[in-house]
Amino acid sequence: MKAIVHVTLKSGVLDPQGKAIGHALGSLGFDGVGEVRQGKVIEIDLAESDPARAETTVKSMCEKLLANTVIENYAIRIEA
């Protein structure tokens, strides 16, 4: 199985990289771009056949290492 984790900053947390991306897009002539928030995607191959158990394991990974839950949100997608 494969787990795909999307980690993003919580709303209200300053995102200087997102601001820089938004500014650069405007400088390149892309009009109409509002707020830009950046994040990260983490793909994990798992030796697991039960999707529920895989999600529980990946949630534990997120809580312990992959996301700083004080300032970041995460979303998990499990693919067979």
PDB file of N, CA and C in Angstrom:
ATOM      1  N   MET A   1       0.836  -1.173   0.000  1.00  0.00           N
ATOM      2  CA  MET A   1       0.000   0.000   0.000  1.00  0.00           C
ATOM      3  C   MET A   1       0.884   1.239   0.000  1.00  0.00           C
ATOM      4  N   LYS A   2       0.299   2.313  -0.459  1.00  0.00           N
ATOM      5  CA  LYS A   2       1.000   3.590  -0.451  1.00  0.00           C
ATOM      6  C   LYS A   2       0.168   4.591   0.333  1.00  0.00           C
ATOM      7  N   ALA A   3       0.834   5.348   1.175  1.00  0.00           N
ATOM      8  CA  ALA A   3       0.198   6.440   1.899  1.00  0.00           C
ATOM      9  C   ALA A   3       0.724   7.749   1.325  1.00  0.00           C
ATOM     10  N   ILE A   4      -0.190   8.663   1.086  1.00  0.00           N
ATOM     11  CA  ILE A   4       0.179   9.999   0.626  1.00  0.00           C
ATOM     12  C   ILE A   4      -0.287  10.972   1.697  1.00  0.00           C
ATOM     13  N   VAL A   5       0.654  11.736   2.228  1.00  0.00           N
ATOM     14  CA  VAL A   5       0.370  12.674   3.308  1.00  0.00           C
ATOM     15  C   VAL A   5       0.591  14.086   2.784  1.00  0.00           C
ATOM     16  N   HIS A   6      -0.432  14.928   2.918  1.00  0.00           N
ATOM     17  CA  HIS A   6      -0.327  16.348   2.570  1.00  0.00           C
ATOM     18  C   HIS A   6      -0.219  17.127   3.878  1.00  0.00           C
ATOM     19  N   VAL A   7       0.857  17.886   4.022  1.00  0.00           N
ATOM     20  CA  VAL A   7       1.083  18.677   5.224  1.00  0.00           C
ATOM     21  C   VAL A   7       1.048  20.149   4.825  1.00  0.00           C
ATOM     22  N   THR A   8       0.204  20.918   5.508  1.00  0.00           N
ATOM     23  CA  THR A   8       0.079  22.347   5.222  1.00  0.00           C
ATOM     24  C   THR A   8       0.074  23.131   6.536  1.00  0.00           C
ATOM     25  N   LEU A   9       0.449  24.387   6.440  1.00  0.00           N
ATOM     26  CA  LEU A   9       0.405  25.246   7.615  1.00  0.00           C
ATOM     27  C   LEU A   9      -1.047  25.552   7.965  1.00  0.00           C
ATOM     28  N   LYS A  10      -1.327  25.638   9.245  1.00  0.00           N
ATOM     29  CA  LYS A  10      -2.666  26.015   9.690  1.00  0.00           C
ATOM     30  C   LYS A  10      -2.936  27.455   9.285  1.00  0.00           C
ATOM     31  N   SER A  11      -4.216  27.775   9.063  1.00  0.00           N
ATOM     32  CA  SER A  11      -4.545  29.157   8.727  1.00  0.00           C
ATOM     33  C   SER A  11      -4.186  30.032   9.923  1.00  0.00           C
ATOM     34  N   GLY A  12      -3.714  31.212   9.640  1.00  0.00           N
ATOM     35  CA  GLY A  12      -3.266  32.116  10.691  1.00  0.00           C
ATOM     36  C   GLY A  12      -1.779  32.022  10.967  1.00  0.00           C
ATOM     37  N   VAL A  13      -1.129  30.957  10.511  1.00  0.00           N
ATOM     38  CA  VAL A  13       0.323  30.810  10.669  1.00  0.00           C
ATOM     39  C   VAL A  13       0.985  31.484   9.467  1.00  0.00           C
ATOM     40  N   LEU A  14       1.935  32.356   9.737  1.00  0.00           N
ATOM     41  CA  LEU A  14       2.629  33.045   8.654  1.00  0.00           C
ATOM     42  C   LEU A  14       3.311  32.046   7.726  1.00  0.00           C
ATOM     43  N   ASP A  15       3.215  32.321   6.428  1.00  0.00           N
ATOM     44  CA  ASP A  15       3.788  31.435   5.405  1.00  0.00           C
ATOM     45  C   ASP A  15       4.672  32.264   4.479  1.00  0.00           C
ATOM     46  N   PRO A  16       5.919  32.555   4.889  1.00  0.00           N
ATOM     47  CA  PRO A  16       6.779  33.392   4.056  1.00  0.00           C
ATOM     48  C   PRO A  16       7.083  32.780   2.691  1.00  0.00           C
ATOM     49  N   GLN A  17       7.187  31.457   2.607  1.00  0.00           N
ATOM     50  CA  GLN A  17       7.429  30.830   1.300  1.00  0.00           C
ATOM     51  C   GLN A  17       6.219  31.003   0.397  1.00  0.00           C
ATOM     52  N   GLY A  18       5.034  30.863   0.942  1.00  0.00           N
ATOM     53  CA  GLY A  18       3.824  31.098   0.157  1.00  0.00           C
ATOM     54  C   GLY A  18       3.751  32.525  -0.345  1.00  0.00           C
ATOM     55  N   LYS A  19       4.107  33.476   0.523  1.00  0.00           N
ATOM     56  CA  LYS A  19       4.123  34.895   0.114  1.00  0.00           C
ATOM     57  C   LYS A  19       5.123  35.111  -1.017  1.00  0.00           C
ATOM     58  N   ALA A  20       6.313  34.508  -0.906  1.00  0.00           N
ATOM     59  CA  ALA A  20       7.331  34.661  -1.945  1.00  0.00           C
ATOM     60  C   ALA A  20       6.862  34.063  -3.263  1.00  0.00           C
ATOM     61  N   ILE A  21       6.190  32.908  -3.201  1.00  0.00           N
ATOM     62  CA  ILE A  21       5.661  32.290  -4.420  1.00  0.00           C
ATOM     63  C   ILE A  21       4.599  33.187  -5.040  1.00  0.00           C
ATOM     64  N   GLY A  22       3.701  33.701  -4.221  1.00  0.00           N
ATOM     65  CA  GLY A  22       2.658  34.595  -4.720  1.00  0.00           C
ATOM     66  C   GLY A  22       3.237  35.838  -5.371  1.00  0.00           C
ATOM     67  N   HIS A  23       4.254  36.422  -4.747  1.00  0.00           N
ATOM     68  CA  HIS A  23       4.912  37.607  -5.311  1.00  0.00           C
ATOM     69  C   HIS A  23       5.575  37.265  -6.642  1.00  0.00           C
ATOM     70  N   ALA A  24       6.267  36.130  -6.694  1.00  0.00           N
ATOM     71  CA  ALA A  24       6.946  35.725  -7.930  1.00  0.00           C
ATOM     72  C   ALA A  24       5.940  35.475  -9.049  1.00  0.00           C
ATOM     73  N   LEU A  25       4.812  34.866  -8.731  1.00  0.00           N
ATOM     74  CA  LEU A  25       3.792  34.646  -9.757  1.00  0.00           C
ATOM     75  C   LEU A  25       3.284  35.970 -10.320  1.00  0.00           C
ATOM     76  N   GLY A  26       3.070  36.945  -9.439  1.00  0.00           N
ATOM     77  CA  GLY A  26       2.653  38.277  -9.896  1.00  0.00           C
ATOM     78  C   GLY A  26       3.710  38.919 -10.771  1.00  0.00           C
ATOM     79  N   SER A  27       4.977  38.761 -10.394  1.00  0.00           N
ATOM     80  CA  SER A  27       6.077  39.323 -11.175  1.00  0.00           C
ATOM     81  C   SER A  27       6.185  38.683 -12.557  1.00  0.00           C
ATOM     82  N   LEU A  28       5.743  37.442 -12.665  1.00  0.00           N
ATOM     83  CA  LEU A  28       5.785  36.737 -13.944  1.00  0.00           C
ATOM     84  C   LEU A  28       4.552  37.006 -14.804  1.00  0.00           C
ATOM     85  N   GLY A  29       3.671  37.866 -14.313  1.00  0.00           N
ATOM     86  CA  GLY A  29       2.515  38.254 -15.106  1.00  0.00           C
ATOM     87  C   GLY A  29       1.259  37.434 -14.856  1.00  0.00           C
ATOM     88  N   PHE A  30       1.248  36.602 -13.842  1.00  0.00           N
ATOM     89  CA  PHE A  30       0.045  35.827 -13.521  1.00  0.00           C
ATOM     90  C   PHE A  30      -0.854  36.675 -12.630  1.00  0.00           C
ATOM     91  N   ASP A  31      -1.833  37.324 -13.256  1.00  0.00           N
ATOM     92  CA  ASP A  31      -2.748  38.200 -12.521  1.00  0.00           C
ATOM     93  C   ASP A  31      -3.856  37.383 -11.859  1.00  0.00           C
ATOM     94  N   GLY A  32      -4.463  37.963 -10.873  1.00  0.00           N
ATOM     95  CA  GLY A  32      -5.605  37.339 -10.234  1.00  0.00           C
ATOM     96  C   GLY A  32      -5.250  36.252  -9.246  1.00  0.00           C
ATOM     97  N   VAL A  33      -3.989  36.146  -8.861  1.00  0.00           N
ATOM     98  CA  VAL A  33      -3.581  35.136  -7.877  1.00  0.00           C
ATOM     99  C   VAL A  33      -3.790  35.728  -6.494  1.00  0.00           C
ATOM    100  N   GLY A  34      -4.592  35.047  -5.682  1.00  0.00           N
ATOM    101  CA  GLY A  34      -4.827  35.490  -4.312  1.00  0.00           C
ATOM    102  C   GLY A  34      -3.749  34.968  -3.392  1.00  0.00           C
ATOM    103  N   GLU A  35      -4.142  34.658  -2.174  1.00  0.00           N
ATOM    104  CA  GLU A  35      -3.190  34.147  -1.197  1.00  0.00           C
ATOM    105  C   GLU A  35      -2.637  32.798  -1.657  1.00  0.00           C
ATOM    106  N   VAL A  36      -1.344  32.607  -1.471  1.00  0.00           N
ATOM    107  CA  VAL A  36      -0.680  31.350  -1.813  1.00  0.00           C
ATOM    108  C   VAL A  36      -0.158  30.740  -0.517  1.00  0.00           C
ATOM    109  N   ARG A  37      -0.481  29.474  -0.290  1.00  0.00           N
ATOM    110  CA  ARG A  37       0.034  28.734   0.850  1.00  0.00           C
ATOM    111  C   ARG A  37       0.792  27.539   0.296  1.00  0.00           C
ATOM    112  N   GLN A  38       1.955  27.270   0.823  1.00  0.00           N
ATOM    113  CA  GLN A  38       2.736  26.130   0.353  1.00  0.00           C
ATOM    114  C   GLN A  38       2.734  25.057   1.416  1.00  0.00           C
ATOM    115  N   GLY A  39       3.021  23.845   0.979  1.00  0.00           N
ATOM    116  CA  GLY A  39       3.068  22.721   1.906  1.00  0.00           C
ATOM    117  C   GLY A  39       4.010  21.664   1.370  1.00  0.00           C
ATOM    118  N   LYS A  40       3.815  20.450   1.846  1.00  0.00           N
ATOM    119  CA  LYS A  40       4.666  19.354   1.371  1.00  0.00           C
ATOM    120  C   LYS A  40       3.823  18.095   1.215  1.00  0.00           C
ATOM    121  N   VAL A  41       4.277  17.234   0.323  1.00  0.00           N
ATOM    122  CA  VAL A  41       3.638  15.936   0.093  1.00  0.00           C
ATOM    123  C   VAL A  41       4.666  14.865   0.407  1.00  0.00           C
ATOM    124  N   ILE A  42       4.257  13.886   1.190  1.00  0.00           N
ATOM    125  CA  ILE A  42       5.139  12.791   1.576  1.00  0.00           C
ATOM    126  C   ILE A  42       4.482  11.492   1.122  1.00  0.00           C
ATOM    127  N   GLU A  43       5.192  10.687   0.329  1.00  0.00           N
ATOM    128  CA  GLU A  43       4.691   9.386  -0.111  1.00  0.00           C
ATOM    129  C   GLU A  43       5.445   8.296   0.643  1.00  0.00           C
ATOM    130  N   ILE A  44       4.684   7.354   1.191  1.00  0.00           N
ATOM    131  CA  ILE A  44       5.277   6.284   1.982  1.00  0.00           C
ATOM    132  C   ILE A  44       4.750   4.944   1.472  1.00  0.00           C
ATOM    133  N   ASP A  45       5.640   4.048   1.091  1.00  0.00           N
ATOM    134  CA  ASP A  45       5.247   2.688   0.735  1.00  0.00           C
ATOM    135  C   ASP A  45       5.185   1.870   2.019  1.00  0.00           C
ATOM    136  N   LEU A  46       4.070   1.181   2.216  1.00  0.00           N
ATOM    137  CA  LEU A  46       3.851   0.415   3.437  1.00  0.00           C
ATOM    138  C   LEU A  46       3.675  -1.072   3.133  1.00  0.00           C
ATOM    139  N   ALA A  47       4.221  -1.901   3.976  1.00  0.00           N
ATOM    140  CA  ALA A  47       4.016  -3.352   3.876  1.00  0.00           C
ATOM    141  C   ALA A  47       2.809  -3.690   4.742  1.00  0.00           C
ATOM    142  N   GLU A  48       1.651  -3.257   4.287  1.00  0.00           N
ATOM    143  CA  GLU A  48       0.409  -3.431   5.040  1.00  0.00           C
ATOM    144  C   GLU A  48      -0.706  -3.733   4.061  1.00  0.00           C
ATOM    145  N   SER A  49      -1.616  -4.620   4.422  1.00  0.00           N
ATOM    146  CA  SER A  49      -2.720  -4.952   3.521  1.00  0.00           C
ATOM    147  C   SER A  49      -4.063  -4.423   4.011  1.00  0.00           C
ATOM    148  N   ASP A  50      -4.137  -3.996   5.274  1.00  0.00           N
ATOM    149  CA  ASP A  50      -5.374  -3.471   5.839  1.00  0.00           C
ATOM    150  C   ASP A  50      -5.353  -1.941   5.801  1.00  0.00           C
ATOM    151  N   PRO A  51      -6.231  -1.320   5.002  1.00  0.00           N
ATOM    152  CA  PRO A  51      -6.222   0.145   4.884  1.00  0.00           C
ATOM    153  C   PRO A  51      -6.430   0.869   6.214  1.00  0.00           C
ATOM    154  N   ALA A  52      -7.284   0.351   7.063  1.00  0.00           N
ATOM    155  CA  ALA A  52      -7.532   1.010   8.352  1.00  0.00           C
ATOM    156  C   ALA A  52      -6.280   0.981   9.232  1.00  0.00           C
ATOM    157  N   ARG A  53      -5.604  -0.144   9.240  1.00  0.00           N
ATOM    158  CA  ARG A  53      -4.374  -0.256  10.032  1.00  0.00           C
ATOM    159  C   ARG A  53      -3.280   0.640   9.443  1.00  0.00           C
ATOM    160  N   ALA A  54      -3.220   0.695   8.113  1.00  0.00           N
ATOM    161  CA  ALA A  54      -2.240   1.563   7.453  1.00  0.00           C
ATOM    162  C   ALA A  54      -2.484   3.020   7.834  1.00  0.00           C
ATOM    163  N   GLU A  55      -3.749   3.432   7.813  1.00  0.00           N
ATOM    164  CA  GLU A  55      -4.055   4.826   8.158  1.00  0.00           C
ATOM    165  C   GLU A  55      -3.708   5.130   9.613  1.00  0.00           C
ATOM    166  N   THR A  56      -3.981   4.198  10.500  1.00  0.00           N
ATOM    167  CA  THR A  56      -3.628   4.381  11.906  1.00  0.00           C
ATOM    168  C   THR A  56      -2.119   4.525  12.083  1.00  0.00           C
ATOM    169  N   THR A  57      -1.368   3.700  11.375  1.00  0.00           N
ATOM    170  CA  THR A  57       0.091   3.760  11.453  1.00  0.00           C
ATOM    171  C   THR A  57       0.610   5.088  10.933  1.00  0.00           C
ATOM    172  N   VAL A  58       0.085   5.526   9.792  1.00  0.00           N
ATOM    173  CA  VAL A  58       0.556   6.783   9.201  1.00  0.00           C
ATOM    174  C   VAL A  58       0.137   7.968  10.067  1.00  0.00           C
ATOM    175  N   LYS A  59      -1.029   7.905  10.666  1.00  0.00           N
ATOM    176  CA  LYS A  59      -1.442   8.982  11.587  1.00  0.00           C
ATOM    177  C   LYS A  59      -0.445   9.098  12.728  1.00  0.00           C
ATOM    178  N   SER A  60      -0.009   7.980  13.266  1.00  0.00           N
ATOM    179  CA  SER A  60       0.988   7.987  14.330  1.00  0.00           C
ATOM    180  C   SER A  60       2.305   8.597  13.836  1.00  0.00           C
ATOM    181  N   MET A  61       2.696   8.263  12.601  1.00  0.00           N
ATOM    182  CA  MET A  61       3.906   8.851  12.007  1.00  0.00           C
ATOM    183  C   MET A  61       3.782  10.367  11.922  1.00  0.00           C
ATOM    184  N   CYS A  62       2.612  10.834  11.508  1.00  0.00           N
ATOM    185  CA  CYS A  62       2.389  12.277  11.378  1.00  0.00           C
ATOM    186  C   CYS A  62       2.479  12.961  12.731  1.00  0.00           C
ATOM    187  N   GLU A  63       1.832  12.364  13.725  1.00  0.00           N
ATOM    188  CA  GLU A  63       1.809  12.963  15.053  1.00  0.00           C
ATOM    189  C   GLU A  63       3.201  12.995  15.700  1.00  0.00           C
ATOM    190  N   LYS A  64       4.033  11.998  15.384  1.00  0.00           N
ATOM    191  CA  LYS A  64       5.341  11.898  16.022  1.00  0.00           C
ATOM    192  C   LYS A  64       6.464  12.564  15.239  1.00  0.00           C
ATOM    193  N   LEU A  65       6.344  12.644  13.894  1.00  0.00           N
ATOM    194  CA  LEU A  65       7.477  13.118  13.104  1.00  0.00           C
ATOM    195  C   LEU A  65       7.116  13.982  11.903  1.00  0.00           C
ATOM    196  N   LEU A  66       6.163  13.543  11.100  1.00  0.00           N
ATOM    197  CA  LEU A  66       5.975  14.149   9.779  1.00  0.00           C
ATOM    198  C   LEU A  66       5.363  15.539   9.811  1.00  0.00           C
ATOM    199  N   ALA A  67       4.580  15.849  10.826  1.00  0.00           N
ATOM    200  CA  ALA A  67       3.929  17.160  10.909  1.00  0.00           C
ATOM    201  C   ALA A  67       4.147  17.760  12.294  1.00  0.00           C
ATOM    202  N   ASN A  68       4.350  19.052  12.324  1.00  0.00           N
ATOM    203  CA  ASN A  68       4.389  19.783  13.590  1.00  0.00           C
ATOM    204  C   ASN A  68       2.949  20.200  13.857  1.00  0.00           C
ATOM    205  N   THR A  69       2.240  19.415  14.649  1.00  0.00           N
ATOM    206  CA  THR A  69       0.800  19.614  14.804  1.00  0.00           C
ATOM    207  C   THR A  69       0.423  20.907  15.524  1.00  0.00           C
ATOM    208  N   VAL A  70       1.394  21.608  16.070  1.00  0.00           N
ATOM    209  CA  VAL A  70       1.118  22.915  16.666  1.00  0.00           C
ATOM    210  C   VAL A  70       0.802  23.926  15.566  1.00  0.00           C
ATOM    211  N   ILE A  71       1.527  23.836  14.435  1.00  0.00           N
ATOM    212  CA  ILE A  71       1.348  24.830  13.367  1.00  0.00           C
ATOM    213  C   ILE A  71       0.931  24.235  12.030  1.00  0.00           C
ATOM    214  N   GLU A  72       0.860  22.897  11.935  1.00  0.00           N
ATOM    215  CA  GLU A  72       0.549  22.266  10.653  1.00  0.00           C
ATOM    216  C   GLU A  72      -0.649  21.318  10.761  1.00  0.00           C
ATOM    217  N   ASN A  73      -1.392  21.235   9.660  1.00  0.00           N
ATOM    218  CA  ASN A  73      -2.436  20.236   9.479  1.00  0.00           C
ATOM    219  C   ASN A  73      -1.896  19.160   8.546  1.00  0.00           C
ATOM    220  N   TYR A  74      -2.496  17.990   8.602  1.00  0.00           N
ATOM    221  CA  TYR A  74      -2.123  16.949   7.647  1.00  0.00           C
ATOM    222  C   TYR A  74      -3.366  16.191   7.206  1.00  0.00           C
ATOM    223  N   ALA A  75      -3.292  15.652   5.992  1.00  0.00           N
ATOM    224  CA  ALA A  75      -4.351  14.815   5.446  1.00  0.00           C
ATOM    225  C   ALA A  75      -3.689  13.564   4.878  1.00  0.00           C
ATOM    226  N   ILE A  76      -4.316  12.429   5.134  1.00  0.00           N
ATOM    227  CA  ILE A  76      -3.763  11.136   4.717  1.00  0.00           C
ATOM    228  C   ILE A  76      -4.675  10.505   3.674  1.00  0.00           C
ATOM    229  N   ARG A  77      -4.063   9.999   2.605  1.00  0.00           N
ATOM    230  CA  ARG A  77      -4.787   9.205   1.605  1.00  0.00           C
ATOM    231  C   ARG A  77      -4.062   7.883   1.470  1.00  0.00           C
ATOM    232  N   ILE A  78      -4.803   6.787   1.587  1.00  0.00           N
ATOM    233  CA  ILE A  78      -4.238   5.445   1.447  1.00  0.00           C
ATOM    234  C   ILE A  78      -4.646   4.895   0.085  1.00  0.00           C
ATOM    235  N   GLU A  79      -3.655   4.419  -0.669  1.00  0.00           N
ATOM    236  CA  GLU A  79      -3.912   3.804  -1.978  1.00  0.00           C
ATOM    237  C   GLU A  79      -3.501   2.338  -1.914  1.00  0.00           C
ATOM    238  N   ALA A  80      -4.339   1.502  -2.496  1.00  0.00           N
ATOM    239  CA  ALA A  80      -4.041   0.060  -2.508  1.00  0.00           C
ATOM    240  C   ALA A  80      -2.979  -0.273  -3.529  1.00  0.00           C
TER     241      ALA A  80
END
